[in-house]
Amino acid sequence: MSTPPLSARHAAVDLLDQILGQERLMSELMGGNAWGAMTPGDRAAAQRLAGDVLRGLERADRVLKPFLKKEPPLRVLNVLRLATVELCSGGAAHGVVNEAVNIVARGGRTAGMKGMVNAVLRRVVTHGPAEWDKLRVPRMPGWLRDPLVEAWGREAVMAMEAAQFAGAPLDLTARGDPAAVAAAVGGTVLPTGSVRVAGAGQVSAMPGYDAGDWWVQDAAAALPVRMLGDVSGLSVLDMCAAPGGKTLQLAARGARVTALALSEARMARVAENLARTGLNAELLVGDALTIDGTYDAVLLDAPCSATGTIRRHPDLPHAKTGDGIDGLIALQARMLDHALTLLKPGGRLVYCTCSLIPDEGECQTEAALERGGIEVLAVDLPGIDPAWISPEGGLRLRPDYWADIGGMDGFYMVMLRRVD
């Protein structure tokens, strides 16, 4: 007899157990037979529910604390956290509490705690929503918050945390006319040309998905390619291409694109996206530090801490501890130097990272300028606030920018040209 598919709530608890108990990333966990048996809608709902809990974890634990004599096992605590977030966000008490009790009851080691879960959640139903609204916006962990306060100041970090807590709308990049895509999906065209959709459901069910009219890409992540300007007919290397959003942009703009990724598995995602959108690129699997050749332009979206994407990926601060960032910074510098050797005379290089940490952005540019042989090219992009231009000439984006319309990912990008 086949095992019935998991409910969205049950799957969300499974995700939370692995993210909070094993420091796994959500992107690593979306597979296996249990997930494959779920409908696309339930999979999307499970991710959304787990994300809501991770964003509101601090609040959920504060609401629960008065009702718990001692902290229960992680599995039970995660069931309580999920139910608390739902109840304090307007979820129907009967359905939320019943399923929470059922999830605990189905576990061999947790079944004996179903009475406690029911009692605690009945108290959350009565007292939780009012208490929830009094609590502060959840804070980033100290390993990340402390250096960001030093870099940007306490008020800016609090604004970023508010944006992260609010989550993110869905941003799309159009293969063709953004206005046509916006009309089809019920979105709006942002000042920079991306299409933003509030309250989007299952992505693959949206108009234009199967036709490849657009792809999902945060508005900030779409700007490095736009920074390159007119690339029609040019040879362009997308040096760290997976999952392929920037490769698609370059191809749609008429570039002769070479997409490079380190692994076959990651390159498979690029190939899938190209096939869906009907766009073309040469695909290479290999090490960015050893690739050779010459190109009119190079796009280096370097491996980084990804700290600018927390509003979309709230698992990051729970699955990471800050270890390894020094190694990433050293790798970025090596990749940047190698990328410059791949440019034809007069060629342009865009270096970018989805990081909020200046050592992965502004400081990399400053260090490269000190090594010599390059110059920074001025940012010329529609929809950009001049205040976002950093002192060395790059573009610094933060989650609290455009806060009134849903924010954006944290990103740093700069365009360089060799002068030797």
Protein backbone atom coordinates (compact mmCIF):
# COMPACT_ATOMS: atom_id res chain seq x y z
CA MET A 1 0.00 0.00 0.00
CA SER A 2 1.43 3.38 -1.00
CA THR A 3 2.00 6.02 1.65
CA PRO A 4 -0.45 8.93 1.35
CA PRO A 5 1.19 12.24 0.46
CA LEU A 6 2.12 14.59 3.27
CA SER A 7 -0.14 17.52 4.03
CA ALA A 8 1.38 20.97 3.56
CA ARG A 9 1.56 21.48 7.34
CA HIS A 10 3.19 18.10 7.95
CA ALA A 11 5.76 18.78 5.25
CA ALA A 12 6.40 22.24 6.68
CA VAL A 13 7.20 20.71 10.08
CA ASP A 14 9.57 18.26 8.40
CA LEU A 15 11.36 21.19 6.79
CA LEU A 16 11.61 23.03 10.10
CA ASP A 17 13.02 19.95 11.84
CA GLN A 18 15.87 19.71 9.35
CA ILE A 19 16.58 23.44 9.04
CA LEU A 20 16.56 24.12 12.79
CA GLY A 21 17.82 20.74 13.95
CA GLN A 22 20.40 19.93 11.28
CA GLU A 23 21.27 23.38 9.87
CA ARG A 24 20.12 22.35 6.39
CA LEU A 25 19.06 24.81 3.71
CA MET A 26 15.50 24.60 2.40
CA SER A 27 16.74 24.39 -1.18
CA GLU A 28 18.54 21.14 -0.29
CA LEU A 29 15.42 19.53 1.14
CA MET A 30 12.85 19.87 -1.63
CA GLY A 31 13.10 16.35 -3.02
CA GLY A 32 12.57 12.71 -2.25
CA ASN A 33 9.52 10.47 -2.59
CA ALA A 34 7.44 12.26 0.03
CA TRP A 35 7.76 15.59 -1.76
CA GLY A 36 7.23 14.02 -5.17
CA ALA A 37 3.88 12.63 -4.08
CA MET A 38 2.58 16.07 -3.09
CA THR A 39 0.73 18.35 -5.47
CA PRO A 40 2.64 21.44 -6.65
CA GLY A 41 0.20 23.57 -4.68
CA ASP A 42 0.86 21.66 -1.44
CA ARG A 43 4.62 21.85 -1.99
CA ALA A 44 4.39 25.60 -2.45
CA ALA A 45 2.19 25.89 0.64
CA ALA A 46 4.66 23.87 2.73
CA GLN A 47 7.52 26.15 1.72
CA ARG A 48 5.43 29.22 2.47
CA LEU A 49 4.39 27.92 5.90
CA ALA A 50 7.94 26.96 6.86
CA GLY A 51 9.16 30.37 5.68
CA ASP A 52 6.51 32.15 7.74
CA VAL A 53 7.65 30.28 10.85
CA LEU A 54 11.33 31.03 10.25
CA ARG A 55 10.58 34.73 9.79
CA GLY A 56 8.45 34.84 12.93
CA LEU A 57 10.41 32.35 15.03
CA GLU A 58 11.38 34.85 17.71
CA ARG A 59 7.79 36.01 18.12
CA ALA A 60 6.39 32.47 18.12
CA ASP A 61 8.76 31.40 20.89
CA ARG A 62 7.88 34.46 22.98
CA VAL A 63 4.16 33.78 22.60
CA LEU A 64 4.60 30.12 23.56
CA LYS A 65 6.96 30.58 26.50
CA PRO A 66 4.35 31.39 29.20
CA PHE A 67 2.35 28.30 28.28
CA LEU A 68 5.22 25.77 28.41
CA LYS A 69 6.54 24.40 31.70
CA LYS A 70 9.63 23.15 29.87
CA GLU A 71 10.75 23.15 26.26
CA PRO A 72 9.41 20.08 24.43
CA PRO A 73 11.37 18.04 21.88
CA LEU A 74 12.19 19.95 18.69
CA ARG A 75 9.56 18.12 16.63
CA VAL A 76 6.79 19.08 19.02
CA LEU A 77 8.12 22.60 19.41
CA ASN A 78 8.10 23.07 15.65
CA VAL A 79 4.48 21.88 15.47
CA LEU A 80 3.63 24.43 18.15
CA ARG A 81 5.57 27.16 16.37
CA LEU A 82 3.79 26.51 13.08
CA ALA A 83 0.37 26.52 14.70
CA THR A 84 1.19 29.66 16.69
CA VAL A 85 2.28 31.58 13.60
CA GLU A 86 -0.88 30.53 11.78
CA LEU A 87 -3.17 31.35 14.71
CA CYS A 88 -1.56 34.74 15.27
CA SER A 89 -1.87 35.49 11.56
CA GLY A 90 -5.61 34.86 11.40
CA GLY A 91 -5.69 31.12 10.76
CA ALA A 92 -8.90 29.22 11.58
CA ALA A 93 -8.43 27.87 15.10
CA HIS A 94 -10.29 24.56 14.64
CA GLY A 95 -8.34 23.39 11.59
CA VAL A 96 -4.95 24.64 12.79
CA VAL A 97 -5.21 23.08 16.26
CA ASN A 98 -6.65 19.79 15.05
CA GLU A 99 -3.93 19.22 12.48
CA ALA A 100 -1.22 20.17 14.95
CA VAL A 101 -2.55 17.56 17.39
CA ASN A 102 -2.80 14.98 14.59
CA ILE A 103 0.80 15.54 13.44
CA VAL A 104 2.05 14.99 17.00
CA ALA A 105 -0.25 11.99 17.48
CA ARG A 106 1.16 10.26 14.37
CA GLY A 107 4.71 10.33 15.71
CA GLY A 108 5.77 7.32 17.75
CA ARG A 109 7.92 9.40 20.08
CA THR A 110 5.57 12.36 20.29
CA ALA A 111 2.09 10.80 20.48
CA GLY A 112 2.03 11.09 24.26
CA MET A 113 2.29 14.88 24.01
CA LYS A 114 -0.85 15.48 21.96
CA GLY A 115 -2.83 16.52 25.04
CA MET A 116 -0.20 19.11 25.97
CA VAL A 117 -0.16 20.46 22.40
CA ASN A 118 -3.94 20.80 22.40
CA ALA A 119 -3.94 22.60 25.76
CA VAL A 120 -1.13 24.98 24.83
CA LEU A 121 -2.67 25.90 21.51
CA ARG A 122 -6.06 26.53 23.08
CA ARG A 123 -4.34 29.16 25.22
CA VAL A 124 -2.58 30.56 22.14
CA VAL A 125 -5.97 30.90 20.45
CA THR A 126 -7.17 33.05 23.35
CA HIS A 127 -4.09 35.11 24.15
CA GLY A 128 -1.66 34.77 21.23
CA PRO A 129 -2.85 37.24 18.59
CA ALA A 130 -2.92 40.23 20.95
CA GLU A 131 0.52 39.36 22.35
CA TRP A 132 1.95 38.79 18.84
CA ASP A 133 1.18 42.33 17.78
CA LYS A 134 3.04 43.78 20.77
CA LEU A 135 6.31 42.00 20.06
CA ARG A 136 9.28 43.54 18.27
CA VAL A 137 10.22 42.70 14.72
CA PRO A 138 12.39 39.56 14.89
CA ARG A 139 16.10 40.26 14.73
CA MET A 140 18.83 38.69 12.66
CA PRO A 141 21.27 36.46 14.58
CA GLY A 142 24.23 38.19 16.17
CA TRP A 143 26.81 36.74 13.75
CA LEU A 144 25.13 38.74 10.98
CA ARG A 145 23.45 41.59 12.81
CA ASP A 146 26.57 42.88 14.53
CA PRO A 147 28.68 43.46 11.39
CA LEU A 148 25.70 44.93 9.56
CA VAL A 149 25.06 47.43 12.36
CA GLU A 150 28.73 48.39 12.15
CA ALA A 151 28.45 48.83 8.38
CA TRP A 152 25.05 50.46 7.95
CA GLY A 153 23.94 51.64 11.39
CA ARG A 154 21.27 50.39 13.79
CA GLU A 155 18.31 52.17 12.19
CA ALA A 156 19.14 50.82 8.72
CA VAL A 157 19.48 47.28 10.07
CA MET A 158 16.14 47.55 11.86
CA ALA A 159 14.58 48.65 8.57
CA MET A 160 16.17 45.65 6.82
CA GLU A 161 14.78 43.34 9.52
CA ALA A 162 11.31 44.80 8.98
CA ALA A 163 11.61 44.08 5.27
CA GLN A 164 12.82 40.54 5.93
CA PHE A 165 9.95 39.91 8.36
CA ALA A 166 7.44 41.14 5.78
CA GLY A 167 8.70 38.64 3.22
CA ALA A 168 8.89 39.24 -0.50
CA PRO A 169 6.46 39.53 -3.39
CA LEU A 170 7.17 37.59 -6.57
CA ASP A 171 9.37 39.36 -9.12
CA LEU A 172 9.55 38.30 -12.77
CA THR A 173 11.82 39.18 -15.66
CA ALA A 174 10.01 39.28 -19.00
CA ARG A 175 11.50 37.63 -22.05
CA GLY A 176 9.84 40.36 -24.11
CA ASP A 177 7.53 43.21 -23.11
CA PRO A 178 7.25 43.68 -19.30
CA ALA A 179 3.92 45.50 -19.65
CA ALA A 180 2.39 42.54 -21.48
CA VAL A 181 3.62 40.13 -18.80
CA ALA A 182 2.31 42.41 -16.04
CA ALA A 183 -1.12 42.50 -17.69
CA ALA A 184 -1.20 38.72 -18.04
CA VAL A 185 -0.20 37.91 -14.44
CA GLY A 186 -1.90 40.82 -12.68
CA GLY A 187 1.38 42.50 -11.72
CA THR A 188 2.96 45.92 -11.99
CA VAL A 189 6.07 47.04 -13.83
CA LEU A 190 8.74 48.34 -11.45
CA PRO A 191 10.86 51.42 -12.25
CA THR A 192 13.77 49.16 -13.26
CA GLY A 193 11.69 47.02 -15.64
CA SER A 194 10.95 43.95 -13.53
CA VAL A 195 7.36 42.78 -13.01
CA ARG A 196 6.13 42.48 -9.41
CA VAL A 197 3.21 40.26 -8.39
CA ALA A 198 1.69 40.49 -4.91
CA GLY A 199 0.09 37.41 -3.40
CA ALA A 200 1.18 35.05 -6.17
CA GLY A 201 0.31 31.40 -5.74
CA GLN A 202 1.80 28.41 -7.50
CA VAL A 203 4.34 29.80 -9.98
CA SER A 204 4.03 27.05 -12.57
CA ALA A 205 0.28 27.66 -12.84
CA MET A 206 0.63 31.35 -13.69
CA PRO A 207 -0.14 32.64 -17.21
CA GLY A 208 2.92 32.59 -19.45
CA TYR A 209 4.95 30.10 -17.43
CA ASP A 210 4.64 27.18 -19.84
CA ALA A 211 5.17 29.51 -22.80
CA GLY A 212 8.41 30.77 -21.26
CA ASP A 213 7.26 34.39 -21.33
CA TRP A 214 9.09 35.14 -18.05
CA TRP A 215 11.18 33.70 -15.27
CA VAL A 216 11.35 34.33 -11.54
CA GLN A 217 14.11 36.78 -10.62
CA ASP A 218 14.25 39.38 -7.86
CA ALA A 219 14.29 42.94 -9.16
CA ALA A 220 17.73 43.52 -7.63
CA ALA A 221 19.15 40.35 -9.19
CA ALA A 222 18.00 41.54 -12.62
CA LEU A 223 20.13 44.70 -12.50
CA PRO A 224 23.67 43.33 -13.10
CA VAL A 225 22.76 42.34 -16.66
CA ARG A 226 20.99 45.65 -17.19
CA MET A 227 24.16 47.37 -15.98
CA LEU A 228 26.06 45.90 -18.95
CA GLY A 229 23.84 47.89 -21.29
CA ASP A 230 23.50 46.84 -24.94
CA VAL A 231 24.93 43.33 -25.33
CA SER A 232 23.32 42.45 -28.66
CA GLY A 233 25.77 40.41 -30.73
CA LEU A 234 28.46 40.45 -28.04
CA SER A 235 30.20 37.40 -26.60
CA VAL A 236 29.35 37.31 -22.89
CA LEU A 237 30.52 34.85 -20.24
CA ASP A 238 28.11 34.23 -17.35
CA MET A 239 30.81 32.97 -15.05
CA CYS A 240 28.65 31.45 -12.27
CA ALA A 241 25.47 30.88 -14.20
CA ALA A 242 23.20 28.57 -12.17
CA PRO A 243 20.24 28.69 -11.78
CA GLY A 244 20.29 30.72 -14.97
CA GLY A 245 18.30 33.93 -14.55
CA LYS A 246 21.11 36.14 -15.78
CA THR A 247 21.92 33.73 -18.63
CA LEU A 248 18.31 34.03 -19.76
CA GLN A 249 18.48 37.82 -19.56
CA LEU A 250 21.64 37.96 -21.65
CA ALA A 251 20.25 35.59 -24.27
CA ALA A 252 16.97 37.53 -24.44
CA ARG A 253 18.98 40.70 -25.07
CA GLY A 254 20.71 39.15 -28.05
CA ALA A 255 24.09 38.24 -26.55
CA ARG A 256 26.10 35.19 -27.58
CA VAL A 257 26.16 33.68 -24.11
CA THR A 258 28.50 31.14 -22.61
CA ALA A 259 27.09 29.90 -19.30
CA LEU A 260 29.51 28.29 -16.85
CA ALA A 261 28.58 26.27 -13.77
CA LEU A 262 30.63 24.09 -11.47
CA SER A 263 28.40 21.00 -11.46
CA GLU A 264 26.28 19.03 -13.88
CA ALA A 265 23.33 19.19 -11.48
CA ARG A 266 23.38 22.98 -11.31
CA MET A 267 23.86 23.26 -15.07
CA ALA A 268 20.80 21.05 -15.55
CA ARG A 269 18.69 23.82 -13.99
CA VAL A 270 20.12 26.32 -16.48
CA ALA A 271 19.31 23.96 -19.35
CA GLU A 272 15.74 23.47 -18.10
CA ASN A 273 15.17 27.22 -17.92
CA LEU A 274 16.62 27.77 -21.38
CA ALA A 275 14.38 25.05 -22.81
CA ARG A 276 11.24 26.51 -21.22
CA THR A 277 11.94 30.00 -22.50
CA GLY A 278 13.19 28.97 -25.94
CA LEU A 279 16.48 30.82 -25.46
CA ASN A 280 19.96 29.62 -26.37
CA ALA A 281 23.37 29.62 -24.70
CA GLU A 282 26.52 27.53 -24.80
CA LEU A 283 26.70 25.52 -21.58
CA LEU A 284 30.03 24.65 -19.95
CA VAL A 285 30.59 22.68 -16.76
CA GLY A 286 33.86 23.58 -15.09
CA ASP A 287 35.81 25.67 -12.61
CA ALA A 288 35.52 29.43 -13.00
CA LEU A 289 39.14 29.81 -11.88
CA THR A 290 40.50 27.74 -14.77
CA ILE A 291 38.29 28.73 -17.71
CA ASP A 292 40.11 30.50 -20.55
CA GLY A 293 39.15 32.41 -23.68
CA THR A 294 38.28 36.06 -24.33
CA TYR A 295 34.92 37.79 -24.21
CA ASP A 296 33.41 41.18 -24.90
CA ALA A 297 31.86 41.10 -21.43
CA VAL A 298 31.95 38.94 -18.33
CA LEU A 299 29.31 38.70 -15.63
CA LEU A 300 30.63 37.39 -12.32
CA ASP A 301 27.89 36.73 -9.77
CA ALA A 302 30.38 35.38 -7.27
CA PRO A 303 29.72 32.79 -4.55
CA CYS A 304 28.91 34.69 -1.36
CA SER A 305 27.15 34.57 1.99
CA ALA A 306 23.76 35.25 0.28
CA THR A 307 22.87 37.47 3.24
CA GLY A 308 20.97 39.82 0.96
CA THR A 309 18.34 37.18 0.16
CA ILE A 310 16.95 36.52 3.65
CA ARG A 311 13.57 38.09 2.84
CA ARG A 312 13.14 35.32 0.25
CA HIS A 313 15.17 32.65 2.05
CA PRO A 314 14.47 32.98 5.80
CA ASP A 315 16.19 29.65 6.43
CA LEU A 316 19.63 31.19 5.76
CA PRO A 317 20.29 32.76 9.19
CA HIS A 318 19.17 29.54 10.89
CA ALA A 319 21.15 27.17 8.67
CA LYS A 320 24.34 29.25 8.65
CA THR A 321 26.55 30.60 11.41
CA GLY A 322 28.88 32.94 9.53
CA ASP A 323 31.64 30.37 9.34
CA GLY A 324 33.38 30.30 6.00
CA ILE A 325 32.79 33.92 4.98
CA ASP A 326 36.51 34.72 5.10
CA GLY A 327 37.11 31.88 2.65
CA LEU A 328 34.39 33.23 0.35
CA ILE A 329 35.95 36.69 0.39
CA ALA A 330 39.32 35.25 -0.66
CA LEU A 331 37.64 33.20 -3.41
CA GLN A 332 35.79 36.26 -4.70
CA ALA A 333 39.04 38.18 -5.07
CA ARG A 334 40.67 35.34 -7.01
CA MET A 335 37.64 34.98 -9.28
CA LEU A 336 37.50 38.73 -9.90
CA ASP A 337 41.16 38.87 -10.88
CA HIS A 338 40.77 35.87 -13.19
CA ALA A 339 37.62 37.28 -14.78
CA LEU A 340 39.49 40.44 -15.74
CA THR A 341 41.99 38.35 -17.74
CA LEU A 342 39.14 37.00 -19.87
CA LEU A 343 38.14 40.39 -21.26
CA LYS A 344 38.92 41.59 -24.75
CA PRO A 345 40.48 45.07 -24.93
CA GLY A 346 37.84 47.55 -23.81
CA GLY A 347 35.64 44.77 -22.47
CA ARG A 348 33.37 45.21 -19.47
CA LEU A 349 33.10 43.14 -16.31
CA VAL A 350 30.19 43.27 -13.88
CA TYR A 351 31.07 41.88 -10.47
CA CYS A 352 28.16 41.28 -8.10
CA THR A 353 27.15 39.46 -4.94
CA CYS A 354 23.80 39.01 -3.19
CA SER A 355 25.43 40.01 0.10
CA LEU A 356 24.85 42.79 2.61
CA ILE A 357 28.41 42.51 3.93
CA PRO A 358 30.72 45.22 2.51
CA ASP A 359 33.72 42.88 2.55
CA GLU A 360 31.97 40.92 -0.22
CA GLY A 361 31.10 44.04 -2.19
CA GLU A 362 32.47 47.55 -1.78
CA CYS A 363 35.69 46.33 -0.18
CA GLN A 364 36.34 43.90 -3.04
CA THR A 365 36.13 46.75 -5.54
CA GLU A 366 38.38 48.99 -3.46
CA ALA A 367 40.98 46.22 -3.16
CA ALA A 368 40.82 45.50 -6.91
CA LEU A 369 41.34 49.19 -7.69
CA GLU A 370 44.40 49.21 -5.46
CA ARG A 371 45.80 46.24 -7.39
CA GLY A 372 45.53 48.47 -10.47
CA GLY A 373 44.81 48.13 -14.16
CA ILE A 374 41.06 48.76 -13.96
CA GLU A 375 38.57 51.59 -13.72
CA VAL A 376 34.98 51.79 -12.49
CA LEU A 377 32.37 52.68 -15.09
CA ALA A 378 29.50 54.93 -14.05
CA VAL A 379 26.13 53.39 -13.20
CA ASP A 380 23.52 54.34 -15.79
CA LEU A 381 20.28 52.54 -14.99
CA PRO A 382 16.66 53.72 -15.10
CA GLY A 383 14.77 53.63 -11.81
CA ILE A 384 17.87 53.86 -9.61
CA ASP A 385 18.04 56.31 -6.72
CA PRO A 386 21.38 58.18 -6.91
CA ALA A 387 21.72 57.64 -3.15
CA TRP A 388 22.26 53.94 -3.87
CA ILE A 389 25.58 54.64 -5.61
CA SER A 390 28.42 53.74 -3.25
CA PRO A 391 31.56 55.90 -2.84
CA GLU A 392 33.75 53.71 -5.07
CA GLY A 393 31.15 53.83 -7.85
CA GLY A 394 29.27 50.59 -7.38
CA LEU A 395 25.57 50.09 -6.69
CA ARG A 396 24.53 49.10 -3.17
CA LEU A 397 21.00 47.72 -2.81
CA ARG A 398 19.34 46.78 0.48
CA PRO A 399 16.13 44.99 1.53
CA ASP A 400 14.68 48.21 2.98
CA TYR A 401 14.88 50.05 -0.34
CA TRP A 402 11.43 50.31 -1.99
CA ALA A 403 9.96 49.26 1.37
CA ASP A 404 6.60 50.82 0.45
CA ILE A 405 6.23 48.49 -2.55
CA GLY A 406 7.75 45.29 -1.16
CA GLY A 407 11.49 45.89 -0.91
CA MET A 408 14.25 44.16 -2.84
CA ASP A 409 17.08 41.73 -2.19
CA GLY A 410 20.34 43.05 -0.83
CA PHE A 411 22.87 43.21 -3.66
CA TYR A 412 26.15 44.82 -4.59
CA MET A 413 27.28 45.32 -8.19
CA VAL A 414 29.92 47.27 -10.02
CA MET A 415 31.04 47.53 -13.67
CA LEU A 416 34.77 47.52 -14.34
CA ARG A 417 36.96 47.98 -17.41
CA ARG A 418 40.60 47.07 -17.87
CA VAL A 419 42.86 50.03 -18.65
CA ASP A 420 46.24 48.30 -19.03
